[in-house]
Amino acid sequence: MDLVIFLPLLIVMGAFMFFASRRQRKAMQATIDLHNSLQIGDRVHTTSGLQGTITGITDDNVDLEIAPGVVTTWMKLAVRDRIEEDTDSDSDADGSTSAATELTESTGVTDTDGLKKD
């Protein structure tokens, strides 16, 4: 009788562990693919939230320009993701204009000071 209760519990636990490790393996492979595809000139985020442009790459390190003339060296493992550049800054993915653009067009206000564009 104890085996009837214990066996399904063991199967459920095994299935949970299998799917959890599978998800983790996919995430690890995506990170490895990202690190292998990095190129000079790419804009990236680091795990600490810093944004920079890659100026040099070695096997384990990347050089990031974080400000004009300021280059720092980071481990490749610290690169979290690549920043994708928007091709059209005035419209969203569905083609609609952003709220900020609509506000500027309707009021003529270009910044938070309330100055109007001439």
N, C-alpha and C. Protein backbone atom coordinates (compact mmCIF):
# COMPACT_ATOMS: atom_id res chain seq x y z
N MET A 1 0.82 -1.20 0.00
CA MET A 1 0.00 0.00 0.00
C MET A 1 0.86 1.25 0.00
N ASP A 2 1.95 1.24 0.72
CA ASP A 2 2.85 2.38 0.75
C ASP A 2 3.48 2.62 -0.62
N LEU A 3 3.72 1.56 -1.37
CA LEU A 3 4.32 1.68 -2.69
C LEU A 3 3.36 2.37 -3.66
N VAL A 4 2.06 2.17 -3.52
CA VAL A 4 1.05 2.78 -4.38
C VAL A 4 1.05 4.30 -4.20
N ILE A 5 1.31 4.78 -3.01
CA ILE A 5 1.35 6.22 -2.74
C ILE A 5 2.72 6.80 -3.09
N PHE A 6 3.77 6.06 -2.81
CA PHE A 6 5.13 6.56 -2.98
C PHE A 6 5.54 6.62 -4.45
N LEU A 7 5.16 5.65 -5.26
CA LEU A 7 5.58 5.58 -6.66
C LEU A 7 5.06 6.78 -7.49
N PRO A 8 3.76 7.14 -7.44
CA PRO A 8 3.33 8.34 -8.20
C PRO A 8 4.01 9.62 -7.72
N LEU A 9 4.25 9.73 -6.42
CA LEU A 9 4.95 10.91 -5.91
C LEU A 9 6.36 10.97 -6.47
N LEU A 10 7.03 9.85 -6.53
CA LEU A 10 8.39 9.78 -7.08
C LEU A 10 8.39 10.14 -8.57
N ILE A 11 7.39 9.68 -9.31
CA ILE A 11 7.30 9.99 -10.74
C ILE A 11 7.06 11.48 -10.96
N VAL A 12 6.17 12.09 -10.18
CA VAL A 12 5.90 13.52 -10.30
C VAL A 12 7.16 14.33 -9.97
N MET A 13 7.86 13.96 -8.93
CA MET A 13 9.10 14.67 -8.58
C MET A 13 10.15 14.54 -9.68
N GLY A 14 10.27 13.35 -10.26
CA GLY A 14 11.22 13.13 -11.35
C GLY A 14 10.88 13.97 -12.57
N ALA A 15 9.60 14.04 -12.92
CA ALA A 15 9.17 14.85 -14.07
C ALA A 15 9.45 16.32 -13.81
N PHE A 16 9.17 16.80 -12.61
CA PHE A 16 9.44 18.20 -12.27
C PHE A 16 10.93 18.52 -12.42
N MET A 17 11.79 17.65 -11.91
CA MET A 17 13.24 17.87 -12.01
C MET A 17 13.69 17.85 -13.46
N PHE A 18 13.12 16.96 -14.28
CA PHE A 18 13.50 16.88 -15.69
C PHE A 18 13.17 18.18 -16.41
N PHE A 19 11.94 18.68 -16.24
CA PHE A 19 11.53 19.89 -16.94
C PHE A 19 12.25 21.13 -16.42
N ALA A 20 12.55 21.16 -15.13
CA ALA A 20 13.29 22.30 -14.58
C ALA A 20 14.71 22.34 -15.13
N SER A 21 15.36 21.20 -15.22
CA SER A 21 16.73 21.17 -15.75
C SER A 21 16.74 21.47 -17.25
N ARG A 22 15.69 21.07 -17.94
CA ARG A 22 15.59 21.35 -19.38
C ARG A 22 15.49 22.85 -19.63
N ARG A 23 14.68 23.55 -18.85
CA ARG A 23 14.53 25.00 -18.99
C ARG A 23 15.86 25.70 -18.68
N GLN A 24 16.54 25.23 -17.65
CA GLN A 24 17.82 25.83 -17.28
C GLN A 24 18.86 25.60 -18.38
N ARG A 25 18.84 24.42 -18.99
CA ARG A 25 19.77 24.12 -20.07
C ARG A 25 19.52 25.02 -21.28
N LYS A 26 18.25 25.29 -21.60
CA LYS A 26 17.92 26.18 -22.71
C LYS A 26 18.43 27.60 -22.44
N ALA A 27 18.23 28.09 -21.23
CA ALA A 27 18.69 29.43 -20.87
C ALA A 27 20.22 29.52 -20.95
N MET A 28 20.91 28.48 -20.50
CA MET A 28 22.37 28.47 -20.55
C MET A 28 22.86 28.46 -22.00
N GLN A 29 22.19 27.70 -22.86
CA GLN A 29 22.59 27.65 -24.26
C GLN A 29 22.35 29.00 -24.94
N ALA A 30 21.27 29.68 -24.61
CA ALA A 30 21.00 31.00 -25.17
C ALA A 30 22.09 31.99 -24.75
N THR A 31 22.55 31.91 -23.52
CA THR A 31 23.62 32.79 -23.03
C THR A 31 24.93 32.50 -23.76
N ILE A 32 25.24 31.22 -23.95
CA ILE A 32 26.46 30.84 -24.67
C ILE A 32 26.40 31.33 -26.11
N ASP A 33 25.24 31.18 -26.75
CA ASP A 33 25.08 31.65 -28.14
C ASP A 33 25.27 33.17 -28.22
N LEU A 34 24.74 33.91 -27.24
CA LEU A 34 24.92 35.36 -27.21
C LEU A 34 26.39 35.71 -27.11
N HIS A 35 27.10 35.09 -26.18
CA HIS A 35 28.51 35.41 -25.98
C HIS A 35 29.34 35.06 -27.21
N ASN A 36 28.98 34.00 -27.93
CA ASN A 36 29.72 33.64 -29.14
C ASN A 36 29.41 34.56 -30.31
N SER A 37 28.26 35.25 -30.28
CA SER A 37 27.87 36.10 -31.41
C SER A 37 28.24 37.57 -31.20
N LEU A 38 28.85 37.92 -30.09
CA LEU A 38 29.21 39.31 -29.84
C LEU A 38 30.23 39.80 -30.86
N GLN A 39 30.05 41.05 -31.30
CA GLN A 39 30.96 41.65 -32.27
C GLN A 39 31.32 43.06 -31.82
N ILE A 40 32.44 43.55 -32.32
CA ILE A 40 32.85 44.92 -32.03
C ILE A 40 31.80 45.87 -32.59
N GLY A 41 31.39 46.84 -31.79
CA GLY A 41 30.37 47.80 -32.18
C GLY A 41 28.99 47.50 -31.61
N ASP A 42 28.79 46.30 -31.05
CA ASP A 42 27.50 45.96 -30.44
C ASP A 42 27.31 46.75 -29.16
N ARG A 43 26.07 47.21 -28.91
CA ARG A 43 25.70 47.83 -27.64
C ARG A 43 25.17 46.73 -26.75
N VAL A 44 25.63 46.67 -25.49
CA VAL A 44 25.24 45.59 -24.58
C VAL A 44 24.91 46.13 -23.20
N HIS A 45 24.15 45.33 -22.44
CA HIS A 45 23.92 45.54 -21.01
C HIS A 45 24.78 44.53 -20.27
N THR A 46 25.34 44.94 -19.13
CA THR A 46 26.02 43.98 -18.27
C THR A 46 25.05 43.52 -17.18
N THR A 47 25.45 42.51 -16.43
CA THR A 47 24.60 42.00 -15.37
C THR A 47 24.40 43.02 -14.26
N SER A 48 25.30 44.00 -14.16
CA SER A 48 25.15 45.04 -13.15
C SER A 48 24.36 46.24 -13.65
N GLY A 49 23.90 46.20 -14.91
CA GLY A 49 23.07 47.26 -15.44
C GLY A 49 23.79 48.31 -16.25
N LEU A 50 25.08 48.17 -16.44
CA LEU A 50 25.85 49.14 -17.20
C LEU A 50 25.62 48.92 -18.70
N GLN A 51 25.54 50.01 -19.44
CA GLN A 51 25.41 49.94 -20.89
C GLN A 51 26.71 50.40 -21.52
N GLY A 52 27.12 49.74 -22.58
CA GLY A 52 28.35 50.14 -23.25
C GLY A 52 28.42 49.57 -24.65
N THR A 53 29.42 50.05 -25.40
CA THR A 53 29.67 49.59 -26.75
C THR A 53 30.95 48.76 -26.74
N ILE A 54 30.91 47.60 -27.37
CA ILE A 54 32.08 46.72 -27.40
C ILE A 54 33.13 47.31 -28.33
N THR A 55 34.35 47.49 -27.79
CA THR A 55 35.46 48.00 -28.60
C THR A 55 36.53 46.96 -28.82
N GLY A 56 36.50 45.87 -28.05
CA GLY A 56 37.47 44.80 -28.22
C GLY A 56 36.97 43.52 -27.57
N ILE A 57 37.35 42.38 -28.17
CA ILE A 57 36.91 41.08 -27.65
C ILE A 57 38.09 40.13 -27.62
N THR A 58 38.24 39.42 -26.49
CA THR A 58 39.18 38.31 -26.40
C THR A 58 38.38 37.06 -26.06
N ASP A 59 39.05 35.96 -25.76
CA ASP A 59 38.34 34.72 -25.46
C ASP A 59 37.44 34.85 -24.23
N ASP A 60 37.92 35.51 -23.19
CA ASP A 60 37.17 35.59 -21.94
C ASP A 60 36.70 36.99 -21.57
N ASN A 61 37.21 38.03 -22.24
CA ASN A 61 36.93 39.41 -21.85
C ASN A 61 36.38 40.24 -23.02
N VAL A 62 35.69 41.30 -22.67
CA VAL A 62 35.26 42.31 -23.65
C VAL A 62 35.65 43.67 -23.11
N ASP A 63 36.04 44.56 -24.02
CA ASP A 63 36.31 45.95 -23.65
C ASP A 63 35.08 46.75 -24.02
N LEU A 64 34.52 47.47 -23.02
CA LEU A 64 33.32 48.26 -23.23
C LEU A 64 33.65 49.74 -23.11
N GLU A 65 33.19 50.52 -24.09
CA GLU A 65 33.30 51.97 -24.01
C GLU A 65 32.01 52.46 -23.37
N ILE A 66 32.12 52.97 -22.14
CA ILE A 66 30.93 53.37 -21.38
C ILE A 66 30.67 54.87 -21.48
N ALA A 67 31.65 55.62 -21.94
CA ALA A 67 31.53 57.05 -22.20
C ALA A 67 32.60 57.37 -23.24
N PRO A 68 32.48 58.48 -23.93
CA PRO A 68 33.50 58.80 -24.93
C PRO A 68 34.91 58.80 -24.33
N GLY A 69 35.75 57.92 -24.82
CA GLY A 69 37.12 57.82 -24.34
C GLY A 69 37.32 57.01 -23.09
N VAL A 70 36.26 56.46 -22.49
CA VAL A 70 36.37 55.66 -21.27
C VAL A 70 36.09 54.19 -21.61
N VAL A 71 37.13 53.37 -21.58
CA VAL A 71 37.01 51.96 -21.93
C VAL A 71 37.34 51.12 -20.71
N THR A 72 36.45 50.18 -20.39
CA THR A 72 36.67 49.28 -19.25
C THR A 72 36.65 47.85 -19.76
N THR A 73 37.33 46.97 -19.03
CA THR A 73 37.40 45.56 -19.41
C THR A 73 36.50 44.74 -18.50
N TRP A 74 35.66 43.88 -19.10
CA TRP A 74 34.70 43.05 -18.38
C TRP A 74 34.85 41.60 -18.83
N MET A 75 34.48 40.69 -17.96
CA MET A 75 34.40 39.29 -18.36
C MET A 75 33.21 39.12 -19.30
N LYS A 76 33.32 38.22 -20.28
CA LYS A 76 32.20 37.98 -21.18
C LYS A 76 30.97 37.51 -20.42
N LEU A 77 31.19 36.81 -19.32
CA LEU A 77 30.06 36.31 -18.53
C LEU A 77 29.23 37.44 -17.93
N ALA A 78 29.79 38.64 -17.85
CA ALA A 78 29.07 39.77 -17.29
C ALA A 78 28.11 40.40 -18.30
N VAL A 79 28.21 40.03 -19.58
CA VAL A 79 27.31 40.57 -20.60
C VAL A 79 25.99 39.84 -20.50
N ARG A 80 24.91 40.59 -20.22
CA ARG A 80 23.59 39.99 -20.04
C ARG A 80 22.82 39.90 -21.34
N ASP A 81 22.81 41.00 -22.13
CA ASP A 81 22.09 40.96 -23.40
C ASP A 81 22.57 42.07 -24.32
N ARG A 82 22.18 41.94 -25.57
CA ARG A 82 22.52 42.92 -26.60
C ARG A 82 21.38 43.93 -26.68
N ILE A 83 21.72 45.21 -26.83
CA ILE A 83 20.70 46.26 -26.98
C ILE A 83 20.38 46.35 -28.47
N GLU A 84 19.13 46.10 -28.79
CA GLU A 84 18.68 46.19 -30.18
C GLU A 84 18.29 47.63 -30.46
N GLU A 85 18.81 48.18 -31.52
CA GLU A 85 18.51 49.56 -31.90
C GLU A 85 17.14 49.62 -32.57
N ASP A 86 16.31 50.60 -32.18
CA ASP A 86 15.03 50.81 -32.82
C ASP A 86 15.26 51.53 -34.14
N THR A 87 14.62 51.03 -35.20
CA THR A 87 14.79 51.67 -36.50
C THR A 87 13.86 52.86 -36.66
N ASP A 88 12.69 52.84 -36.00
CA ASP A 88 11.74 53.94 -36.08
C ASP A 88 11.37 54.35 -34.67
N SER A 89 11.93 55.46 -34.20
CA SER A 89 11.74 55.84 -32.81
C SER A 89 10.38 56.48 -32.54
N ASP A 90 9.66 56.94 -33.60
CA ASP A 90 8.38 57.60 -33.40
C ASP A 90 7.19 56.65 -33.38
N SER A 91 7.39 55.40 -33.79
CA SER A 91 6.25 54.49 -33.80
C SER A 91 6.59 53.21 -33.06
N ASP A 92 5.54 52.60 -32.47
CA ASP A 92 5.70 51.34 -31.76
C ASP A 92 5.71 50.21 -32.77
N ALA A 93 5.79 48.97 -32.28
CA ALA A 93 5.83 47.81 -33.16
C ALA A 93 4.55 47.68 -33.98
N ASP A 94 3.42 48.15 -33.46
CA ASP A 94 2.16 48.03 -34.20
C ASP A 94 1.92 49.21 -35.14
N GLY A 95 2.88 50.14 -35.22
CA GLY A 95 2.76 51.25 -36.15
C GLY A 95 2.11 52.49 -35.56
N SER A 96 1.67 52.43 -34.31
CA SER A 96 1.03 53.61 -33.72
C SER A 96 2.10 54.52 -33.14
N THR A 97 1.78 55.81 -33.09
CA THR A 97 2.75 56.75 -32.55
C THR A 97 2.72 56.70 -31.03
N SER A 98 3.83 57.07 -30.43
CA SER A 98 3.91 57.04 -28.98
C SER A 98 3.15 58.20 -28.37
N ALA A 99 2.81 58.09 -27.10
CA ALA A 99 2.07 59.14 -26.40
C ALA A 99 2.88 60.43 -26.34
N ALA A 100 4.21 60.31 -26.18
CA ALA A 100 5.06 61.50 -26.11
C ALA A 100 5.05 62.25 -27.43
N THR A 101 5.06 61.51 -28.54
CA THR A 101 5.03 62.14 -29.85
C THR A 101 3.70 62.84 -30.08
N GLU A 102 2.60 62.19 -29.70
CA GLU A 102 1.28 62.79 -29.86
C GLU A 102 1.15 64.06 -29.03
N LEU A 103 1.69 64.05 -27.80
CA LEU A 103 1.63 65.22 -26.94
C LEU A 103 2.42 66.38 -27.54
N THR A 104 3.61 66.08 -28.07
CA THR A 104 4.44 67.12 -28.67
C THR A 104 3.74 67.72 -29.89
N GLU A 105 3.13 66.86 -30.70
CA GLU A 105 2.48 67.36 -31.91
C GLU A 105 1.25 68.19 -31.59
N SER A 106 0.51 67.81 -30.55
CA SER A 106 -0.74 68.51 -30.26
C SER A 106 -0.52 69.81 -29.49
N THR A 107 0.51 69.85 -28.64
CA THR A 107 0.71 71.05 -27.81
C THR A 107 1.87 71.92 -28.27
N GLY A 108 2.78 71.36 -29.05
CA GLY A 108 3.95 72.11 -29.47
C GLY A 108 5.03 72.16 -28.41
N VAL A 109 4.81 71.50 -27.25
CA VAL A 109 5.79 71.48 -26.18
C VAL A 109 6.83 70.42 -26.51
N THR A 110 8.11 70.81 -26.44
CA THR A 110 9.17 69.89 -26.81
C THR A 110 9.93 69.32 -25.63
N ASP A 111 9.79 69.91 -24.47
CA ASP A 111 10.51 69.37 -23.31
C ASP A 111 9.70 69.64 -22.05
N THR A 112 10.24 69.22 -20.92
CA THR A 112 9.49 69.32 -19.66
C THR A 112 9.46 70.74 -19.10
N ASP A 113 10.22 71.69 -19.67
CA ASP A 113 10.21 73.07 -19.19
C ASP A 113 8.96 73.80 -19.66
N GLY A 114 8.29 73.27 -20.68
CA GLY A 114 7.13 73.95 -21.23
C GLY A 114 7.50 74.91 -22.35
N LEU A 115 8.76 74.85 -22.84
CA LEU A 115 9.16 75.72 -23.94
C LEU A 115 8.59 75.20 -25.24
N LYS A 116 8.13 76.09 -26.06
CA LYS A 116 7.55 75.68 -27.34
C LYS A 116 8.60 75.72 -28.44
N LYS A 117 8.41 74.81 -29.36
CA LYS A 117 9.30 74.73 -30.51
C LYS A 117 8.87 75.76 -31.54
N ASP A 118 9.83 76.54 -32.07
CA ASP A 118 9.50 77.57 -33.09
C ASP A 118 9.75 77.03 -34.46
